[in-house]
Amino acid sequence: MGLVRAMGRTAVVAGTATAVSGRVARRQQQNWSEQDAQAQQAAAPAPAAAAPAAGDEITQIRTLAGLVDDGILSPDDFVAKVKQIIGA
């Protein structure tokens, strides 16, 4: 009976070791996956700024025209800003 008991004990120890090593491997794989995902997010280029809509440009130009009418902005500065807004 001593031999059977030793074989049973060895089987239990081996099974436990296999289960533990499998759990450790899964945890390591999960950690590596998370690190890879974080690295990809950090390396991803920032989204390009969208071109302003035509309505936004008109609103900006009207606002600048109001500043010219109020005497806050000079006509030369107005022209420069409009060129900047329309990309000319």
C-alpha atoms as a PDB file:
ATOM      1  CA  MET A   1       0.000   0.000   0.000  1.00  0.00           C
ATOM      2  CA  GLY A   2       2.890   2.382   0.513  1.00  0.00           C
ATOM      3  CA  LEU A   3       3.649   2.429  -3.201  1.00  0.00           C
ATOM      4  CA  VAL A   4       0.037   3.191  -4.146  1.00  0.00           C
ATOM      5  CA  ARG A   5      -0.108   5.960  -1.560  1.00  0.00           C
ATOM      6  CA  ALA A   6       3.138   7.497  -2.883  1.00  0.00           C
ATOM      7  CA  MET A   7       1.840   7.352  -6.470  1.00  0.00           C
ATOM      8  CA  GLY A   8      -1.416   9.016  -5.422  1.00  0.00           C
ATOM      9  CA  ARG A   9       0.440  11.726  -3.556  1.00  0.00           C
ATOM     10  CA  THR A  10       2.706  12.322  -6.576  1.00  0.00           C
ATOM     11  CA  ALA A  11      -0.333  12.581  -8.845  1.00  0.00           C
ATOM     12  CA  VAL A  12      -1.967  15.152  -6.556  1.00  0.00           C
ATOM     13  CA  VAL A  13       1.217  17.214  -6.337  1.00  0.00           C
ATOM     14  CA  ALA A  14       1.724  17.073 -10.101  1.00  0.00           C
ATOM     15  CA  GLY A  15      -1.897  18.040 -10.759  1.00  0.00           C
ATOM     16  CA  THR A  16      -1.691  20.948  -8.339  1.00  0.00           C
ATOM     17  CA  ALA A  17       1.550  22.147  -9.900  1.00  0.00           C
ATOM     18  CA  THR A  18       0.006  21.976 -13.365  1.00  0.00           C
ATOM     19  CA  ALA A  19      -3.052  23.937 -12.254  1.00  0.00           C
ATOM     20  CA  VAL A  20      -0.941  26.608 -10.563  1.00  0.00           C
ATOM     21  CA  SER A  21       1.415  26.991 -13.507  1.00  0.00           C
ATOM     22  CA  GLY A  22      -1.567  27.280 -15.871  1.00  0.00           C
ATOM     23  CA  ARG A  23      -3.053  30.035 -13.700  1.00  0.00           C
ATOM     24  CA  VAL A  24       0.267  31.879 -13.601  1.00  0.00           C
ATOM     25  CA  ALA A  25       0.611  31.608 -17.379  1.00  0.00           C
ATOM     26  CA  ARG A  26      -2.902  33.009 -17.907  1.00  0.00           C
ATOM     27  CA  ARG A  27      -2.218  35.930 -15.567  1.00  0.00           C
ATOM     28  CA  GLN A  28       1.051  36.725 -17.311  1.00  0.00           C
ATOM     29  CA  GLN A  29      -0.630  36.569 -20.717  1.00  0.00           C
ATOM     30  CA  GLN A  30      -3.377  38.900 -19.490  1.00  0.00           C
ATOM     31  CA  ASN A  31      -0.808  41.361 -18.120  1.00  0.00           C
ATOM     32  CA  TRP A  32       1.155  41.301 -21.370  1.00  0.00           C
ATOM     33  CA  SER A  33      -2.031  41.853 -23.374  1.00  0.00           C
ATOM     34  CA  GLU A  34      -2.919  44.862 -21.225  1.00  0.00           C
ATOM     35  CA  GLN A  35       0.589  46.275 -21.627  1.00  0.00           C
ATOM     36  CA  ASP A  36       0.417  45.795 -25.399  1.00  0.00           C
ATOM     37  CA  ALA A  37      -2.958  47.544 -25.538  1.00  0.00           C
ATOM     38  CA  GLN A  38      -1.611  50.476 -23.516  1.00  0.00           C
ATOM     39  CA  ALA A  39       1.460  50.720 -25.736  1.00  0.00           C
ATOM     40  CA  GLN A  40      -0.698  50.728 -28.864  1.00  0.00           C
ATOM     41  CA  GLN A  41      -2.908  53.467 -27.441  1.00  0.00           C
ATOM     42  CA  ALA A  42       0.142  55.548 -26.581  1.00  0.00           C
ATOM     43  CA  ALA A  43       1.628  55.017 -30.044  1.00  0.00           C
ATOM     44  CA  ALA A  44      -1.612  55.726 -31.915  1.00  0.00           C
ATOM     45  CA  PRO A  45      -1.522  59.058 -33.725  1.00  0.00           C
ATOM     46  CA  ALA A  46      -3.822  61.753 -32.490  1.00  0.00           C
ATOM     47  CA  PRO A  47      -6.884  62.221 -34.646  1.00  0.00           C
ATOM     48  CA  ALA A  48      -6.514  64.995 -37.177  1.00  0.00           C
ATOM     49  CA  ALA A  49      -8.378  68.163 -36.454  1.00  0.00           C
ATOM     50  CA  ALA A  50     -11.458  68.422 -38.565  1.00  0.00           C
ATOM     51  CA  ALA A  51     -11.696  71.330 -40.948  1.00  0.00           C
ATOM     52  CA  PRO A  52     -14.053  73.963 -39.633  1.00  0.00           C
ATOM     53  CA  ALA A  53     -17.478  73.956 -41.190  1.00  0.00           C
ATOM     54  CA  ALA A  54     -18.400  76.795 -43.507  1.00  0.00           C
ATOM     55  CA  GLY A  55     -20.939  78.024 -40.962  1.00  0.00           C
ATOM     56  CA  ASP A  56     -18.212  78.313 -38.348  1.00  0.00           C
ATOM     57  CA  GLU A  57     -16.064  80.386 -40.704  1.00  0.00           C
ATOM     58  CA  ILE A  58     -18.938  82.750 -41.464  1.00  0.00           C
ATOM     59  CA  THR A  59     -19.703  83.114 -37.770  1.00  0.00           C
ATOM     60  CA  GLN A  60     -16.058  83.923 -37.025  1.00  0.00           C
ATOM     61  CA  ILE A  61     -15.909  86.507 -39.816  1.00  0.00           C
ATOM     62  CA  ARG A  62     -19.138  88.145 -38.623  1.00  0.00           C
ATOM     63  CA  THR A  63     -17.754  88.282 -35.089  1.00  0.00           C
ATOM     64  CA  LEU A  64     -14.568  89.919 -36.369  1.00  0.00           C
ATOM     65  CA  ALA A  65     -16.617  92.403 -38.409  1.00  0.00           C
ATOM     66  CA  GLY A  66     -18.460  93.344 -35.250  1.00  0.00           C
ATOM     67  CA  LEU A  67     -15.138  93.964 -33.525  1.00  0.00           C
ATOM     68  CA  VAL A  68     -14.107  96.242 -36.389  1.00  0.00           C
ATOM     69  CA  ASP A  69     -17.416  98.137 -36.102  1.00  0.00           C
ATOM     70  CA  ASP A  70     -16.819  98.571 -32.355  1.00  0.00           C
ATOM     71  CA  GLY A  71     -13.311  99.880 -33.013  1.00  0.00           C
ATOM     72  CA  ILE A  72     -11.633  97.016 -31.184  1.00  0.00           C
ATOM     73  CA  LEU A  73     -10.036  95.516 -34.302  1.00  0.00           C
ATOM     74  CA  SER A  74      -8.373  97.472 -37.102  1.00  0.00           C
ATOM     75  CA  PRO A  75      -9.434  96.846 -40.722  1.00  0.00           C
ATOM     76  CA  ASP A  76      -5.940  95.548 -41.530  1.00  0.00           C
ATOM     77  CA  ASP A  77      -6.124  93.044 -38.674  1.00  0.00           C
ATOM     78  CA  PHE A  78      -9.602  92.061 -39.871  1.00  0.00           C
ATOM     79  CA  VAL A  79      -8.301  91.289 -43.358  1.00  0.00           C
ATOM     80  CA  ALA A  80      -5.380  89.299 -41.954  1.00  0.00           C
ATOM     81  CA  LYS A  81      -7.684  87.252 -39.701  1.00  0.00           C
ATOM     82  CA  VAL A  82     -10.140  86.575 -42.531  1.00  0.00           C
ATOM     83  CA  LYS A  83      -7.296  85.314 -44.703  1.00  0.00           C
ATOM     84  CA  GLN A  84      -6.187  83.085 -41.852  1.00  0.00           C
ATOM     85  CA  ILE A  85      -9.702  81.725 -41.378  1.00  0.00           C
ATOM     86  CA  ILE A  86     -10.283  80.934 -45.041  1.00  0.00           C
ATOM     87  CA  GLY A  87      -6.768  79.596 -45.462  1.00  0.00           C
ATOM     88  CA  ALA A  88      -5.656  82.062 -48.085  1.00  0.00           C
END
